């Protein structure tokens, strides 16, 4: 699969930014992030950087935007279907655990966003769970913007560092 992406990008360099945006969104959104690994985005960024299809100064902001859009979508998705999930029998049976988790998220919500952004295994789940909680959209937006920018800078350093080793 990766070879096909490489062939396509080499033939259609003008769409490189779209691949970065798309895969950053996919690895952040709850429905696709569980399946799409962040390693795919990372590999695509290294490929685009090493083949000079985009400079790192363009890759990072596009990846940040895609990640932020994915996180915001997951948060809003949680706000939308959260009440339905909270009223299911499965959740009601575990009411004590759910209440304890909600209190934890209310207390640490913005910090959880920053931590979750740097842990790939929970990255797509955190915005969704915070959407279900009572965290306000503006608090999540600000925390997520800071988290995505920090993550984007780390991505840039890793892409240039590993890209120079592989390149």
Foldseek 3Di string as FASTA:
>chain_A
DVVVVLVVCVVPLVCLLVVLLVLLLQCQAQVRVQPRFVVVSLVSLLSCCLVVSDPLVSSLVSSLNSNLVNLLVLLVVLLVCLVVVCPDPVNVVVVVVLVVVLVVCVVCVLVCLLVLLPDSNCNNPSSNVNSSHPDDPVSNSVSNSVSSNVVSVVSSVVSVVVSVVVD
